[in-house]
Amino acid sequence: MHLSSIRQWHWMIFSIVVGLVFYYTRTQQIDDLSRFGDSINSPRMFEEMVLKTEAGRPTFDQLTVHTQPVPDGKGAMRPATVVTGMAFNGHYEKEGSKFVARRLFCWADSI
């Protein structure tokens, strides 16, 4: 079998498969933070949630601080500070047979 015998549509399918493999690999590296829960992209919203109460309970509690490498956009990794906790917006979410607050995280560049 010679390369010239491969049809154009074979190359198209091959290109799509290779593209999907690269996309999957890239998203797996970036989504490494997803294990912490849903992201809060706004530091201001994060601060408001830490200080606010909802139905007599802190909106954001059980805080934990982690150092986690994140992609820097140039192909390398850099350290970032990730703060995780449980968010309460006035009602619980059902998880299995329990009602729990939602797990959220906020991350920022390390200083």
PDB file of N, CA and C in Angstrom:
ATOM      1  N   MET A   1       0.851  -1.174   0.000  1.00  0.00           N
ATOM      2  CA  MET A   1       0.000   0.000   0.000  1.00  0.00           C
ATOM      3  C   MET A   1       0.897   1.238   0.000  1.00  0.00           C
ATOM      4  N   HIS A   2       0.666   2.138  -0.925  1.00  0.00           N
ATOM      5  CA  HIS A   2       1.428   3.381  -1.035  1.00  0.00           C
ATOM      6  C   HIS A   2       0.590   4.545  -0.524  1.00  0.00           C
ATOM      7  N   LEU A   3       1.263   5.598  -0.105  1.00  0.00           N
ATOM      8  CA  LEU A   3       0.536   6.788   0.351  1.00  0.00           C
ATOM      9  C   LEU A   3      -0.356   7.354  -0.735  1.00  0.00           C
ATOM     10  N   SER A   4       0.052   7.211  -1.978  1.00  0.00           N
ATOM     11  CA  SER A   4      -0.754   7.754  -3.081  1.00  0.00           C
ATOM     12  C   SER A   4      -2.058   6.979  -3.263  1.00  0.00           C
ATOM     13  N   SER A   5      -2.131   5.761  -2.730  1.00  0.00           N
ATOM     14  CA  SER A   5      -3.357   4.975  -2.868  1.00  0.00           C
ATOM     15  C   SER A   5      -4.405   5.320  -1.804  1.00  0.00           C
ATOM     16  N   ILE A   6      -4.012   6.099  -0.815  1.00  0.00           N
ATOM     17  CA  ILE A   6      -4.967   6.503   0.228  1.00  0.00           C
ATOM     18  C   ILE A   6      -5.842   7.624  -0.330  1.00  0.00           C
ATOM     19  N   ARG A   7      -7.121   7.446  -0.224  1.00  0.00           N
ATOM     20  CA  ARG A   7      -8.090   8.404  -0.767  1.00  0.00           C
ATOM     21  C   ARG A   7      -8.156   9.671   0.090  1.00  0.00           C
ATOM     22  N   GLN A   8      -8.697  10.704  -0.505  1.00  0.00           N
ATOM     23  CA  GLN A   8      -8.814  11.994   0.188  1.00  0.00           C
ATOM     24  C   GLN A   8      -9.702  11.872   1.423  1.00  0.00           C
ATOM     25  N   TRP A   9     -10.768  11.127   1.349  1.00  0.00           N
ATOM     26  CA  TRP A   9     -11.662  11.010   2.485  1.00  0.00           C
ATOM     27  C   TRP A   9     -10.996  10.246   3.632  1.00  0.00           C
ATOM     28  N   HIS A  10     -10.034   9.348   3.312  1.00  0.00           N
ATOM     29  CA  HIS A  10      -9.278   8.679   4.371  1.00  0.00           C
ATOM     30  C   HIS A  10      -8.476   9.713   5.169  1.00  0.00           C
ATOM     31  N   TRP A  11      -7.832  10.643   4.440  1.00  0.00           N
ATOM     32  CA  TRP A  11      -7.048  11.689   5.104  1.00  0.00           C
ATOM     33  C   TRP A  11      -7.939  12.575   5.964  1.00  0.00           C
ATOM     34  N   MET A  12      -9.147  12.860   5.481  1.00  0.00           N
ATOM     35  CA  MET A  12     -10.072  13.694   6.251  1.00  0.00           C
ATOM     36  C   MET A  12     -10.451  13.007   7.560  1.00  0.00           C
ATOM     37  N   ILE A  13     -10.776  11.742   7.496  1.00  0.00           N
ATOM     38  CA  ILE A  13     -11.145  10.996   8.710  1.00  0.00           C
ATOM     39  C   ILE A  13      -9.950  10.915   9.659  1.00  0.00           C
ATOM     40  N   PHE A  14      -8.777  10.630   9.097  1.00  0.00           N
ATOM     41  CA  PHE A  14      -7.564  10.574   9.909  1.00  0.00           C
ATOM     42  C   PHE A  14      -7.319  11.910  10.611  1.00  0.00           C
ATOM     43  N   SER A  15      -7.496  13.011   9.900  1.00  0.00           N
ATOM     44  CA  SER A  15      -7.294  14.344  10.475  1.00  0.00           C
ATOM     45  C   SER A  15      -8.278  14.628  11.605  1.00  0.00           C
ATOM     46  N   ILE A  16      -9.519  14.245  11.421  1.00  0.00           N
ATOM     47  CA  ILE A  16     -10.532  14.459  12.463  1.00  0.00           C
ATOM     48  C   ILE A  16     -10.185  13.644  13.706  1.00  0.00           C
ATOM     49  N   VAL A  17      -9.794  12.382  13.526  1.00  0.00           N
ATOM     50  CA  VAL A  17      -9.441  11.527  14.665  1.00  0.00           C
ATOM     51  C   VAL A  17      -8.243  12.109  15.412  1.00  0.00           C
ATOM     52  N   VAL A  18      -7.213  12.519  14.696  1.00  0.00           N
ATOM     53  CA  VAL A  18      -6.034  13.109  15.339  1.00  0.00           C
ATOM     54  C   VAL A  18      -6.417  14.394  16.074  1.00  0.00           C
ATOM     55  N   GLY A  19      -7.247  15.221  15.453  1.00  0.00           N
ATOM     56  CA  GLY A  19      -7.709  16.446  16.105  1.00  0.00           C
ATOM     57  C   GLY A  19      -8.471  16.171  17.388  1.00  0.00           C
ATOM     58  N   LEU A  20      -9.337  15.169  17.373  1.00  0.00           N
ATOM     59  CA  LEU A  20     -10.091  14.803  18.576  1.00  0.00           C
ATOM     60  C   LEU A  20      -9.180  14.283  19.679  1.00  0.00           C
ATOM     61  N   VAL A  21      -8.153  13.533  19.309  1.00  0.00           N
ATOM     62  CA  VAL A  21      -7.197  13.035  20.307  1.00  0.00           C
ATOM     63  C   VAL A  21      -6.462  14.204  20.956  1.00  0.00           C
ATOM     64  N   PHE A  22      -6.004  15.164  20.154  1.00  0.00           N
ATOM     65  CA  PHE A  22      -5.331  16.341  20.708  1.00  0.00           C
ATOM     66  C   PHE A  22      -6.272  17.151  21.589  1.00  0.00           C
ATOM     67  N   TYR A  23      -7.520  17.331  21.136  1.00  0.00           N
ATOM     68  CA  TYR A  23      -8.510  18.079  21.923  1.00  0.00           C
ATOM     69  C   TYR A  23      -8.746  17.390  23.263  1.00  0.00           C
ATOM     70  N   TYR A  24      -8.941  16.086  23.261  1.00  0.00           N
ATOM     71  CA  TYR A  24      -9.188  15.332  24.497  1.00  0.00           C
ATOM     72  C   TYR A  24      -8.000  15.464  25.451  1.00  0.00           C
ATOM     73  N   THR A  25      -6.795  15.321  24.923  1.00  0.00           N
ATOM     74  CA  THR A  25      -5.589  15.428  25.750  1.00  0.00           C
ATOM     75  C   THR A  25      -5.492  16.817  26.368  1.00  0.00           C
ATOM     76  N   ARG A  26      -5.758  17.838  25.586  1.00  0.00           N
ATOM     77  CA  ARG A  26      -5.665  19.223  26.077  1.00  0.00           C
ATOM     78  C   ARG A  26      -6.718  19.495  27.152  1.00  0.00           C
ATOM     79  N   THR A  27      -7.942  19.056  26.948  1.00  0.00           N
ATOM     80  CA  THR A  27      -8.991  19.306  27.941  1.00  0.00           C
ATOM     81  C   THR A  27      -8.743  18.542  29.226  1.00  0.00           C
ATOM     82  N   GLN A  28      -8.111  17.378  29.148  1.00  0.00           N
ATOM     83  CA  GLN A  28      -7.807  16.630  30.362  1.00  0.00           C
ATOM     84  C   GLN A  28      -6.780  17.362  31.206  1.00  0.00           C
ATOM     85  N   GLN A  29      -5.835  18.033  30.581  1.00  0.00           N
ATOM     86  CA  GLN A  29      -4.836  18.798  31.327  1.00  0.00           C
ATOM     87  C   GLN A  29      -5.460  20.027  31.959  1.00  0.00           C
ATOM     88  N   ILE A  30      -6.291  20.743  31.237  1.00  0.00           N
ATOM     89  CA  ILE A  30      -6.895  21.979  31.742  1.00  0.00           C
ATOM     90  C   ILE A  30      -7.948  21.678  32.800  1.00  0.00           C
ATOM     91  N   ASP A  31      -8.710  20.613  32.607  1.00  0.00           N
ATOM     92  CA  ASP A  31      -9.797  20.298  33.532  1.00  0.00           C
ATOM     93  C   ASP A  31      -9.314  19.626  34.802  1.00  0.00           C
ATOM     94  N   ASP A  32      -8.017  19.617  35.057  1.00  0.00           N
ATOM     95  CA  ASP A  32      -7.495  19.022  36.271  1.00  0.00           C
ATOM     96  C   ASP A  32      -8.112  19.670  37.507  1.00  0.00           C
ATOM     97  N   LEU A  33      -8.492  20.944  37.421  1.00  0.00           N
ATOM     98  CA  LEU A  33      -9.108  21.637  38.545  1.00  0.00           C
ATOM     99  C   LEU A  33     -10.554  21.206  38.785  1.00  0.00           C
ATOM    100  N   SER A  34     -11.173  20.545  37.809  1.00  0.00           N
ATOM    101  CA  SER A  34     -12.572  20.161  37.964  1.00  0.00           C
ATOM    102  C   SER A  34     -12.796  19.202  39.124  1.00  0.00           C
ATOM    103  N   ARG A  35     -11.749  18.540  39.589  1.00  0.00           N
ATOM    104  CA  ARG A  35     -11.909  17.631  40.732  1.00  0.00           C
ATOM    105  C   ARG A  35     -12.247  18.389  42.015  1.00  0.00           C
ATOM    106  N   PHE A  36     -12.002  19.715  42.016  1.00  0.00           N
ATOM    107  CA  PHE A  36     -12.316  20.531  43.183  1.00  0.00           C
ATOM    108  C   PHE A  36     -13.779  20.960  43.215  1.00  0.00           C
ATOM    109  N   GLY A  37     -14.519  20.813  42.118  1.00  0.00           N
ATOM    110  CA  GLY A  37     -15.918  21.223  42.071  1.00  0.00           C
ATOM    111  C   GLY A  37     -16.128  22.281  41.015  1.00  0.00           C
ATOM    112  N   ASP A  38     -17.201  23.052  41.149  1.00  0.00           N
ATOM    113  CA  ASP A  38     -17.511  24.123  40.203  1.00  0.00           C
ATOM    114  C   ASP A  38     -16.664  25.347  40.514  1.00  0.00           C
ATOM    115  N   SER A  39     -16.284  26.065  39.463  1.00  0.00           N
ATOM    116  CA  SER A  39     -15.392  27.211  39.622  1.00  0.00           C
ATOM    117  C   SER A  39     -16.152  28.513  39.849  1.00  0.00           C
ATOM    118  N   ILE A  40     -15.605  29.361  40.717  1.00  0.00           N
ATOM    119  CA  ILE A  40     -16.056  30.741  40.860  1.00  0.00           C
ATOM    120  C   ILE A  40     -14.976  31.576  40.193  1.00  0.00           C
ATOM    121  N   ASN A  41     -15.308  32.247  39.109  1.00  0.00           N
ATOM    122  CA  ASN A  41     -14.304  32.991  38.361  1.00  0.00           C
ATOM    123  C   ASN A  41     -14.070  34.390  38.902  1.00  0.00           C
ATOM    124  N   SER A  42     -14.929  34.870  39.744  1.00  0.00           N
ATOM    125  CA  SER A  42     -14.835  36.237  40.235  1.00  0.00           C
ATOM    126  C   SER A  42     -14.320  36.273  41.678  1.00  0.00           C
ATOM    127  N   PRO A  43     -13.136  36.860  41.901  1.00  0.00           N
ATOM    128  CA  PRO A  43     -12.661  36.992  43.279  1.00  0.00           C
ATOM    129  C   PRO A  43     -13.627  37.794  44.154  1.00  0.00           C
ATOM    130  N   ARG A  44     -14.290  38.774  43.570  1.00  0.00           N
ATOM    131  CA  ARG A  44     -15.263  39.585  44.325  1.00  0.00           C
ATOM    132  C   ARG A  44     -16.438  38.721  44.803  1.00  0.00           C
ATOM    133  N   MET A  45     -16.952  37.872  43.909  1.00  0.00           N
ATOM    134  CA  MET A  45     -18.062  36.979  44.288  1.00  0.00           C
ATOM    135  C   MET A  45     -17.608  36.023  45.385  1.00  0.00           C
ATOM    136  N   PHE A  46     -16.381  35.514  45.270  1.00  0.00           N
ATOM    137  CA  PHE A  46     -15.832  34.623  46.280  1.00  0.00           C
ATOM    138  C   PHE A  46     -15.798  35.323  47.643  1.00  0.00           C
ATOM    139  N   GLU A  47     -15.281  36.554  47.681  1.00  0.00           N
ATOM    140  CA  GLU A  47     -15.198  37.305  48.937  1.00  0.00           C
ATOM    141  C   GLU A  47     -16.579  37.555  49.523  1.00  0.00           C
ATOM    142  N   GLU A  48     -17.549  37.897  48.669  1.00  0.00           N
ATOM    143  CA  GLU A  48     -18.918  38.126  49.150  1.00  0.00           C
ATOM    144  C   GLU A  48     -19.519  36.855  49.747  1.00  0.00           C
ATOM    145  N   MET A  49     -19.255  35.716  49.111  1.00  0.00           N
ATOM    146  CA  MET A  49     -19.795  34.459  49.606  1.00  0.00           C
ATOM    147  C   MET A  49     -19.175  34.076  50.945  1.00  0.00           C
ATOM    148  N   VAL A  50     -17.897  34.369  51.143  1.00  0.00           N
ATOM    149  CA  VAL A  50     -17.234  34.040  52.408  1.00  0.00           C
ATOM    150  C   VAL A  50     -17.811  34.869  53.542  1.00  0.00           C
ATOM    151  N   LEU A  51     -18.140  36.131  53.277  1.00  0.00           N
ATOM    152  CA  LEU A  51     -18.619  37.037  54.324  1.00  0.00           C
ATOM    153  C   LEU A  51     -20.122  36.966  54.561  1.00  0.00           C
ATOM    154  N   LYS A  52     -20.896  36.511  53.601  1.00  0.00           N
ATOM    155  CA  LYS A  52     -22.357  36.523  53.656  1.00  0.00           C
ATOM    156  C   LYS A  52     -22.916  35.284  54.369  1.00  0.00           C
ATOM    157  N   THR A  53     -24.125  35.424  54.927  1.00  0.00           N
ATOM    158  CA  THR A  53     -24.837  34.269  55.483  1.00  0.00           C
ATOM    159  C   THR A  53     -26.155  34.104  54.743  1.00  0.00           C
ATOM    160  N   GLU A  54     -26.626  32.874  54.687  1.00  0.00           N
ATOM    161  CA  GLU A  54     -27.878  32.549  54.010  1.00  0.00           C
ATOM    162  C   GLU A  54     -28.645  31.592  54.903  1.00  0.00           C
ATOM    163  N   ALA A  55     -29.854  31.986  55.319  1.00  0.00           N
ATOM    164  CA  ALA A  55     -30.690  31.171  56.201  1.00  0.00           C
ATOM    165  C   ALA A  55     -29.954  30.804  57.487  1.00  0.00           C
ATOM    166  N   GLY A  56     -29.183  31.770  58.034  1.00  0.00           N
ATOM    167  CA  GLY A  56     -28.471  31.555  59.287  1.00  0.00           C
ATOM    168  C   GLY A  56     -27.208  30.719  59.168  1.00  0.00           C
ATOM    169  N   ARG A  57     -26.791  30.432  57.962  1.00  0.00           N
ATOM    170  CA  ARG A  57     -25.607  29.612  57.740  1.00  0.00           C
ATOM    171  C   ARG A  57     -24.639  30.371  56.824  1.00  0.00           C
ATOM    172  N   PRO A  58     -23.318  30.232  57.037  1.00  0.00           N
ATOM    173  CA  PRO A  58     -22.374  30.888  56.119  1.00  0.00           C
ATOM    174  C   PRO A  58     -22.600  30.394  54.678  1.00  0.00           C
ATOM    175  N   THR A  59     -22.544  31.312  53.728  1.00  0.00           N
ATOM    176  CA  THR A  59     -22.755  30.937  52.335  1.00  0.00           C
ATOM    177  C   THR A  59     -21.643  30.043  51.827  1.00  0.00           C
ATOM    178  N   PHE A  60     -20.411  30.276  52.277  1.00  0.00           N
ATOM    179  CA  PHE A  60     -19.271  29.495  51.814  1.00  0.00           C
ATOM    180  C   PHE A  60     -18.462  29.099  53.037  1.00  0.00           C
ATOM    181  N   ASP A  61     -18.426  27.816  53.356  1.00  0.00           N
ATOM    182  CA  ASP A  61     -17.690  27.372  54.533  1.00  0.00           C
ATOM    183  C   ASP A  61     -16.893  26.113  54.209  1.00  0.00           C
ATOM    184  N   GLN A  62     -16.276  25.544  55.224  1.00  0.00           N
ATOM    185  CA  GLN A  62     -15.383  24.397  55.084  1.00  0.00           C
ATOM    186  C   GLN A  62     -14.255  24.717  54.094  1.00  0.00           C
ATOM    187  N   LEU A  63     -13.673  25.901  54.265  1.00  0.00           N
ATOM    188  CA  LEU A  63     -12.631  26.357  53.342  1.00  0.00           C
ATOM    189  C   LEU A  63     -11.338  25.574  53.527  1.00  0.00           C
ATOM    190  N   THR A  64     -10.719  25.224  52.415  1.00  0.00           N
ATOM    191  CA  THR A  64      -9.433  24.544  52.384  1.00  0.00           C
ATOM    192  C   THR A  64      -8.583  25.200  51.315  1.00  0.00           C
ATOM    193  N   VAL A  65      -7.299  25.430  51.614  1.00  0.00           N
ATOM    194  CA  VAL A  65      -6.393  26.070  50.663  1.00  0.00           C
ATOM    195  C   VAL A  65      -5.419  25.023  50.130  1.00  0.00           C
ATOM    196  N   HIS A  66      -5.265  24.980  48.800  1.00  0.00           N
ATOM    197  CA  HIS A  66      -4.375  24.049  48.119  1.00  0.00           C
ATOM    198  C   HIS A  66      -3.437  24.842  47.211  1.00  0.00           C
ATOM    199  N   THR A  67      -2.261  24.301  46.932  1.00  0.00           N
ATOM    200  CA  THR A  67      -1.407  24.818  45.867  1.00  0.00           C
ATOM    201  C   THR A  67      -1.479  23.813  44.740  1.00  0.00           C
ATOM    202  N   GLN A  68      -1.823  24.293  43.551  1.00  0.00           N
ATOM    203  CA  GLN A  68      -2.075  23.414  42.416  1.00  0.00           C
ATOM    204  C   GLN A  68      -1.398  23.978  41.174  1.00  0.00           C
ATOM    205  N   PRO A  69      -0.676  23.166  40.398  1.00  0.00           N
ATOM    206  CA  PRO A  69      -0.129  23.673  39.137  1.00  0.00           C
ATOM    207  C   PRO A  69      -1.245  23.849  38.108  1.00  0.00           C
ATOM    208  N   VAL A  70      -1.225  24.964  37.394  1.00  0.00           N
ATOM    209  CA  VAL A  70      -2.201  25.242  36.342  1.00  0.00           C
ATOM    210  C   VAL A  70      -1.451  25.636  35.074  1.00  0.00           C
ATOM    211  N   PRO A  71      -2.050  25.418  33.893  1.00  0.00           N
ATOM    212  CA  PRO A  71      -1.392  25.801  32.645  1.00  0.00           C
ATOM    213  C   PRO A  71      -1.212  27.316  32.569  1.00  0.00           C
ATOM    214  N   ASP A  72      -0.065  27.758  32.046  1.00  0.00           N
ATOM    215  CA  ASP A  72       0.183  29.199  31.929  1.00  0.00           C
ATOM    216  C   ASP A  72      -0.157  29.743  30.547  1.00  0.00           C
ATOM    217  N   GLY A  73      -0.672  28.907  29.655  1.00  0.00           N
ATOM    218  CA  GLY A  73      -1.035  29.349  28.315  1.00  0.00           C
ATOM    219  C   GLY A  73       0.125  29.285  27.333  1.00  0.00           C
ATOM    220  N   LYS A  74       1.313  28.968  27.817  1.00  0.00           N
ATOM    221  CA  LYS A  74       2.499  28.888  26.959  1.00  0.00           C
ATOM    222  C   LYS A  74       3.058  27.459  26.933  1.00  0.00           C
ATOM    223  N   GLY A  75       2.294  26.510  27.401  1.00  0.00           N
ATOM    224  CA  GLY A  75       2.727  25.123  27.400  1.00  0.00           C
ATOM    225  C   GLY A  75       3.388  24.665  28.687  1.00  0.00           C
ATOM    226  N   ALA A  76       3.586  25.563  29.626  1.00  0.00           N
ATOM    227  CA  ALA A  76       4.204  25.211  30.907  1.00  0.00           C
ATOM    228  C   ALA A  76       3.160  25.293  32.017  1.00  0.00           C
ATOM    229  N   MET A  77       3.543  24.833  33.185  1.00  0.00           N
ATOM    230  CA  MET A  77       2.652  24.895  34.344  1.00  0.00           C
ATOM    231  C   MET A  77       3.210  25.907  35.333  1.00  0.00           C
ATOM    232  N   ARG A  78       2.313  26.574  36.067  1.00  0.00           N
ATOM    233  CA  ARG A  78       2.724  27.510  37.108  1.00  0.00           C
ATOM    234  C   ARG A  78       1.866  27.247  38.339  1.00  0.00           C
ATOM    235  N   PRO A  79       2.385  27.535  39.528  1.00  0.00           N
ATOM    236  CA  PRO A  79       1.594  27.279  40.738  1.00  0.00           C
ATOM    237  C   PRO A  79       0.478  28.305  40.909  1.00  0.00           C
ATOM    238  N   ALA A  80      -0.625  27.851  41.443  1.00  0.00           N
ATOM    239  CA  ALA A  80      -1.755  28.727  41.756  1.00  0.00           C
ATOM    240  C   ALA A  80      -2.313  28.303  43.105  1.00  0.00           C
ATOM    241  N   THR A  81      -2.934  29.242  43.782  1.00  0.00           N
ATOM    242  CA  THR A  81      -3.593  28.962  45.052  1.00  0.00           C
ATOM    243  C   THR A  81      -5.060  28.679  44.765  1.00  0.00           C
ATOM    244  N   VAL A  82      -5.534  27.529  45.221  1.00  0.00           N
ATOM    245  CA  VAL A  82      -6.920  27.123  45.015  1.00  0.00           C
ATOM    246  C   VAL A  82      -7.586  27.037  46.378  1.00  0.00           C
ATOM    247  N   VAL A  83      -8.713  27.735  46.529  1.00  0.00           N
ATOM    248  CA  VAL A  83      -9.487  27.684  47.764  1.00  0.00           C
ATOM    249  C   VAL A  83     -10.776  26.937  47.465  1.00  0.00           C
ATOM    250  N   THR A  84     -11.010  25.847  48.176  1.00  0.00           N
ATOM    251  CA  THR A  84     -12.220  25.060  47.978  1.00  0.00           C
ATOM    252  C   THR A  84     -13.108  25.181  49.207  1.00  0.00           C
ATOM    253  N   GLY A  85     -14.373  24.872  49.024  1.00  0.00           N
ATOM    254  CA  GLY A  85     -15.307  24.895  50.132  1.00  0.00           C
ATOM    255  C   GLY A  85     -16.687  24.477  49.675  1.00  0.00           C
ATOM    256  N   MET A  86     -17.615  24.517  50.606  1.00  0.00           N
ATOM    257  CA  MET A  86     -18.993  24.150  50.313  1.00  0.00           C
ATOM    258  C   MET A  86     -19.833  25.417  50.248  1.00  0.00           C
ATOM    259  N   ALA A  87     -20.578  25.567  49.154  1.00  0.00           N
ATOM    260  CA  ALA A  87     -21.412  26.751  48.937  1.00  0.00           C
ATOM    261  C   ALA A  87     -22.856  26.424  49.283  1.00  0.00           C
ATOM    262  N   PHE A  88     -23.490  27.328  49.991  1.00  0.00           N
ATOM    263  CA  PHE A  88     -24.894  27.161  50.384  1.00  0.00           C
ATOM    264  C   PHE A  88     -25.664  28.369  49.891  1.00  0.00           C
ATOM    265  N   ASN A  89     -26.627  28.161  49.001  1.00  0.00           N
ATOM    266  CA  ASN A  89     -27.392  29.269  48.433  1.00  0.00           C
ATOM    267  C   ASN A  89     -28.830  29.320  48.949  1.00  0.00           C
ATOM    268  N   GLY A  90     -29.057  28.806  50.136  1.00  0.00           N
ATOM    269  CA  GLY A  90     -30.388  28.837  50.725  1.00  0.00           C
ATOM    270  C   GLY A  90     -31.107  27.506  50.674  1.00  0.00           C
ATOM    271  N   HIS A  91     -30.689  26.630  49.810  1.00  0.00           N
ATOM    272  CA  HIS A  91     -31.259  25.284  49.756  1.00  0.00           C
ATOM    273  C   HIS A  91     -30.168  24.295  49.362  1.00  0.00           C
ATOM    274  N   TYR A  92     -30.353  23.066  49.805  1.00  0.00           N
ATOM    275  CA  TYR A  92     -29.384  22.012  49.569  1.00  0.00           C
ATOM    276  C   TYR A  92     -29.671  21.325  48.235  1.00  0.00           C
ATOM    277  N   GLU A  93     -28.656  20.700  47.682  1.00  0.00           N
ATOM    278  CA  GLU A  93     -28.810  19.884  46.485  1.00  0.00           C
ATOM    279  C   GLU A  93     -28.781  18.420  46.884  1.00  0.00           C
ATOM    280  N   LYS A  94     -29.566  17.614  46.193  1.00  0.00           N
ATOM    281  CA  LYS A  94     -29.615  16.186  46.523  1.00  0.00           C
ATOM    282  C   LYS A  94     -28.444  15.486  45.853  1.00  0.00           C
ATOM    283  N   GLU A  95     -27.675  14.773  46.659  1.00  0.00           N
ATOM    284  CA  GLU A  95     -26.541  14.001  46.171  1.00  0.00           C
ATOM    285  C   GLU A  95     -26.700  12.596  46.716  1.00  0.00           C
ATOM    286  N   GLY A  96     -27.150  11.691  45.851  1.00  0.00           N
ATOM    287  CA  GLY A  96     -27.469  10.342  46.309  1.00  0.00           C
ATOM    288  C   GLY A  96     -28.692  10.410  47.196  1.00  0.00           C
ATOM    289  N   SER A  97     -28.579   9.950  48.441  1.00  0.00           N
ATOM    290  CA  SER A  97     -29.705  10.000  49.374  1.00  0.00           C
ATOM    291  C   SER A  97     -29.563  11.154  50.366  1.00  0.00           C
ATOM    292  N   LYS A  98     -28.513  11.974  50.220  1.00  0.00           N
ATOM    293  CA  LYS A  98     -28.276  13.079  51.148  1.00  0.00           C
ATOM    294  C   LYS A  98     -28.525  14.424  50.478  1.00  0.00           C
ATOM    295  N   PHE A  99     -28.820  15.420  51.290  1.00  0.00           N
ATOM    296  CA  PHE A  99     -28.901  16.791  50.826  1.00  0.00           C
ATOM    297  C   PHE A  99     -27.655  17.512  51.313  1.00  0.00           C
ATOM    298  N   VAL A 100     -26.887  18.081  50.379  1.00  0.00           N
ATOM    299  CA  VAL A 100     -25.612  18.711  50.707  1.00  0.00           C
ATOM    300  C   VAL A 100     -25.492  20.067  50.021  1.00  0.00           C
ATOM    301  N   ALA A 101     -24.561  20.879  50.528  1.00  0.00           N
ATOM    302  CA  ALA A 101     -24.221  22.122  49.854  1.00  0.00           C
ATOM    303  C   ALA A 101     -23.372  21.768  48.631  1.00  0.00           C
ATOM    304  N   ARG A 102     -23.291  22.684  47.707  1.00  0.00           N
ATOM    305  CA  ARG A 102     -22.538  22.448  46.469  1.00  0.00           C
ATOM    306  C   ARG A 102     -21.062  22.756  46.674  1.00  0.00           C
ATOM    307  N   ARG A 103     -20.173  21.911  46.140  1.00  0.00           N
ATOM    308  CA  ARG A 103     -18.727  22.128  46.253  1.00  0.00           C
ATOM    309  C   ARG A 103     -18.298  23.136  45.192  1.00  0.00           C
ATOM    310  N   LEU A 104     -17.598  24.185  45.635  1.00  0.00           N
ATOM    311  CA  LEU A 104     -17.098  25.230  44.745  1.00  0.00           C
ATOM    312  C   LEU A 104     -15.626  25.477  45.011  1.00  0.00           C
ATOM    313  N   PHE A 105     -14.952  26.086  44.050  1.00  0.00           N
ATOM    314  CA  PHE A 105     -13.579  26.510  44.286  1.00  0.00           C
ATOM    315  C   PHE A 105     -13.304  27.821  43.554  1.00  0.00           C
ATOM    316  N   CYS A 106     -12.323  28.517  44.044  1.00  0.00           N
ATOM    317  CA  CYS A 106     -11.831  29.744  43.428  1.00  0.00           C
ATOM    318  C   CYS A 106     -10.317  29.645  43.400  1.00  0.00           C
ATOM    319  N   TRP A 107      -9.690  30.028  42.303  1.00  0.00           N
ATOM    320  CA  TRP A 107      -8.232  29.950  42.249  1.00  0.00           C
ATOM    321  C   TRP A 107      -7.663  31.266  41.770  1.00  0.00           C
ATOM    322  N   ALA A 108      -6.444  31.520  42.220  1.00  0.00           N
ATOM    323  CA  ALA A 108      -5.730  32.740  41.857  1.00  0.00           C
ATOM    324  C   ALA A 108      -4.256  32.428  41.729  1.00  0.00           C
ATOM    325  N   ASP A 109      -3.545  33.266  40.974  1.00  0.00           N
ATOM    326  CA  ASP A 109      -2.109  33.087  40.825  1.00  0.00           C
ATOM    327  C   ASP A 109      -1.434  33.219  42.167  1.00  0.00           C
ATOM    328  N   SER A 110      -0.443  32.376  42.386  1.00  0.00           N
ATOM    329  CA  SER A 110       0.350  32.494  43.606  1.00  0.00           C
ATOM    330  C   SER A 110       1.255  33.699  43.525  1.00  0.00           C
ATOM    331  N   ILE A 111       1.510  34.279  44.663  1.00  0.00           N
ATOM    332  CA  ILE A 111       2.386  35.457  44.719  1.00  0.00           C
ATOM    333  C   ILE A 111       3.801  35.020  45.024  1.00  0.00           C
TER     334      ILE A 111
END
